[in-house]
C-alpha atoms as a PDB file:
ATOM      1  CA  MET A   1     -10.103  62.057 -84.260  1.00  0.00           C
ATOM      2  CA  ALA A   2      -7.048  62.954 -86.191  1.00  0.00           C
ATOM      3  CA  GLU A   3      -8.219  66.335 -86.746  1.00  0.00           C
ATOM      4  CA  GLN A   4      -8.893  66.956 -83.204  1.00  0.00           C
ATOM      5  CA  PHE A   5      -5.349  66.461 -82.455  1.00  0.00           C
ATOM      6  CA  GLY A   6      -3.939  68.215 -85.510  1.00  0.00           C
ATOM      7  CA  ALA A   7      -2.658  64.745 -86.706  1.00  0.00           C
ATOM      8  CA  ARG A   8      -2.349  63.700 -90.338  1.00  0.00           C
ATOM      9  CA  VAL A   9      -2.817  60.063 -91.176  1.00  0.00           C
ATOM     10  CA  SER A  10      -1.846  58.515 -94.493  1.00  0.00           C
ATOM     11  CA  PHE A  11      -1.211  54.884 -95.681  1.00  0.00           C
ATOM     12  CA  ASN A  12       1.041  53.954 -98.363  1.00  0.00           C
ATOM     13  CA  LEU A  13       0.112  50.458 -99.766  1.00  0.00           C
ATOM     14  CA  ARG A  14       2.711  48.592-101.785  1.00  0.00           C
ATOM     15  CA  PRO A  15       1.441  47.433-105.120  1.00  0.00           C
ATOM     16  CA  ALA A  16      -0.035  43.860-104.999  1.00  0.00           C
ATOM     17  CA  THR A  17       2.186  41.261-106.555  1.00  0.00           C
ATOM     18  CA  PRO A  18       0.221  38.246-108.162  1.00  0.00           C
ATOM     19  CA  CYS A  19       2.730  35.725-106.818  1.00  0.00           C
ATOM     20  CA  GLN A  20       4.531  35.021-103.722  1.00  0.00           C
ATOM     21  CA  LEU A  21       7.230  32.764-102.565  1.00  0.00           C
ATOM     22  CA  PHE A  22       6.061  29.702-100.696  1.00  0.00           C
ATOM     23  CA  LEU A  23       7.856  26.726 -99.020  1.00  0.00           C
ATOM     24  CA  MET A  24       5.970  23.369 -99.472  1.00  0.00           C
ATOM     25  CA  ARG A  25       6.624  20.202 -97.928  1.00  0.00           C
ATOM     26  CA  SER A  26       5.212  16.945 -99.019  1.00  0.00           C
ATOM     27  CA  HIS A  27       5.391  13.100 -99.090  1.00  0.00           C
ATOM     28  CA  PRO A  28       7.696  12.781-102.261  1.00  0.00           C
ATOM     29  CA  ALA A  29       6.135   9.541-103.360  1.00  0.00           C
ATOM     30  CA  THR A  30       2.518  10.657-103.120  1.00  0.00           C
ATOM     31  CA  ALA A  31       2.656  14.328-104.030  1.00  0.00           C
ATOM     32  CA  PRO A  32       3.813  15.599-107.503  1.00  0.00           C
ATOM     33  CA  LEU A  33       4.558  19.114-106.485  1.00  0.00           C
ATOM     34  CA  ALA A  34       6.117  20.440-109.419  1.00  0.00           C
ATOM     35  CA  GLY A  35       3.241  19.334-111.641  1.00  0.00           C
ATOM     36  CA  TRP A  36       0.753  20.920-109.364  1.00  0.00           C
ATOM     37  CA  VAL A  37       2.514  24.131-108.970  1.00  0.00           C
ATOM     38  CA  ARG A  38       2.943  24.509-112.776  1.00  0.00           C
ATOM     39  CA  ALA A  39      -0.674  23.537-113.440  1.00  0.00           C
ATOM     40  CA  ARG A  40      -1.747  26.415-111.299  1.00  0.00           C
ATOM     41  CA  GLY A  41       0.524  28.828-113.325  1.00  0.00           C
ATOM     42  CA  GLY A  42       3.217  28.955-110.595  1.00  0.00           C
ATOM     43  CA  LYS A  43       6.777  28.661-111.047  1.00  0.00           C
ATOM     44  CA  VAL A  44       9.528  26.164-109.304  1.00  0.00           C
ATOM     45  CA  VAL A  45      12.332  28.131-107.939  1.00  0.00           C
ATOM     46  CA  LEU A  46      14.195  25.394-105.988  1.00  0.00           C
ATOM     47  CA  GLN A  47      13.313  21.866-105.034  1.00  0.00           C
ATOM     48  CA  GLY A  48      14.498  18.927-103.368  1.00  0.00           C
ATOM     49  CA  SER A  49      13.290  15.393-102.051  1.00  0.00           C
ATOM     50  CA  GLY A  50      10.160  16.507-100.238  1.00  0.00           C
ATOM     51  CA  TRP A  51      10.304  19.956-100.543  1.00  0.00           C
ATOM     52  CA  MET A  52      10.178  23.063-102.837  1.00  0.00           C
ATOM     53  CA  LEU A  53      10.351  26.822-103.098  1.00  0.00           C
ATOM     54  CA  ALA A  54       7.777  28.005-105.570  1.00  0.00           C
ATOM     55  CA  GLU A  55       6.229  31.275-106.727  1.00  0.00           C
ATOM     56  CA  LEU A  56       2.489  30.792-106.688  1.00  0.00           C
ATOM     57  CA  GLY A  57      -0.647  33.074-106.069  1.00  0.00           C
ATOM     58  CA  LEU A  58      -1.824  33.175-102.590  1.00  0.00           C
ATOM     59  CA  GLN A  59      -5.113  31.556-103.467  1.00  0.00           C
ATOM     60  CA  ASP A  60      -3.634  28.801-105.317  1.00  0.00           C
ATOM     61  CA  ALA A  61      -1.266  28.055-102.369  1.00  0.00           C
ATOM     62  CA  MET A  62      -3.915  27.937 -99.843  1.00  0.00           C
ATOM     63  CA  GLU A  63      -5.869  25.500-101.957  1.00  0.00           C
ATOM     64  CA  MET A  64      -2.684  23.228-102.253  1.00  0.00           C
ATOM     65  CA  ARG A  65      -2.837  22.996 -98.552  1.00  0.00           C
ATOM     66  CA  LYS A  66      -5.902  20.566 -99.012  1.00  0.00           C
ATOM     67  CA  PHE A  67      -3.956  18.383-101.677  1.00  0.00           C
ATOM     68  CA  PRO A  68      -3.214  14.715-100.639  1.00  0.00           C
ATOM     69  CA  GLY A  69       0.372  14.290 -99.397  1.00  0.00           C
ATOM     70  CA  ILE A  70       1.118  18.007 -98.729  1.00  0.00           C
ATOM     71  CA  PHE A  71       1.636  18.813 -95.148  1.00  0.00           C
ATOM     72  CA  PHE A  72       2.958  22.204 -95.160  1.00  0.00           C
ATOM     73  CA  VAL A  73       2.561  25.330 -97.364  1.00  0.00           C
ATOM     74  CA  GLY A  74       3.871  28.520 -95.964  1.00  0.00           C
ATOM     75  CA  GLY A  75       5.075  31.977 -97.240  1.00  0.00           C
ATOM     76  CA  VAL A  76       8.761  32.970 -97.058  1.00  0.00           C
ATOM     77  CA  SER A  77      10.758  35.918 -97.623  1.00  0.00           C
ATOM     78  CA  VAL A  78      14.105  35.755 -99.363  1.00  0.00           C
ATOM     79  CA  ASP A  79      16.647  38.476 -99.921  1.00  0.00           C
ATOM     80  CA  PRO A  80      17.326  37.945-103.779  1.00  0.00           C
ATOM     81  CA  LYS A  81      20.931  38.999-103.745  1.00  0.00           C
ATOM     82  CA  ARG A  82      21.866  36.532-100.936  1.00  0.00           C
ATOM     83  CA  PHE A  83      19.646  33.787-102.570  1.00  0.00           C
ATOM     84  CA  GLU A  84      21.474  34.274-105.870  1.00  0.00           C
ATOM     85  CA  LEU A  85      24.866  34.119-104.035  1.00  0.00           C
ATOM     86  CA  PHE A  86      23.666  30.997-102.314  1.00  0.00           C
ATOM     87  CA  ARG A  87      22.853  29.368-105.686  1.00  0.00           C
ATOM     88  CA  ARG A  88      26.128  30.132-107.231  1.00  0.00           C
ATOM     89  CA  VAL A  89      28.112  28.622-104.110  1.00  0.00           C
ATOM     90  CA  ALA A  90      25.996  25.701-103.927  1.00  0.00           C
ATOM     91  CA  GLY A  91      26.285  25.100-107.626  1.00  0.00           C
ATOM     92  CA  LEU A  92      22.535  25.032-108.426  1.00  0.00           C
ATOM     93  CA  ASP A  93      21.401  25.588-111.792  1.00  0.00           C
ATOM     94  CA  PRO A  94      18.218  27.654-112.313  1.00  0.00           C
ATOM     95  CA  PRO A  95      15.054  25.379-112.386  1.00  0.00           C
ATOM     96  CA  SER A  96      13.623  24.444-115.774  1.00  0.00           C
ATOM     97  CA  GLN A  97      10.240  25.943-116.594  1.00  0.00           C
END
């Protein structure tokens, strides 16, 4: 169809990234989020009581939705420069590995 109308169609795919950023919410007493994320090769970015931002592979994040005590796992997008500024203003130390 593109040839009939003289159009040129092209797709530019971004390179796949193995990890993405996810917001996770859980019941703090029953779900050891940080341990589960690290056990799957993920990285804790920021955490609080009952929530966490973590870098994790998509498949692993979707599997964690089934874990007991976890009631939300969803992908998020964060502007890195603004996030770093937020961390400095809030006095947050980088999480330990």
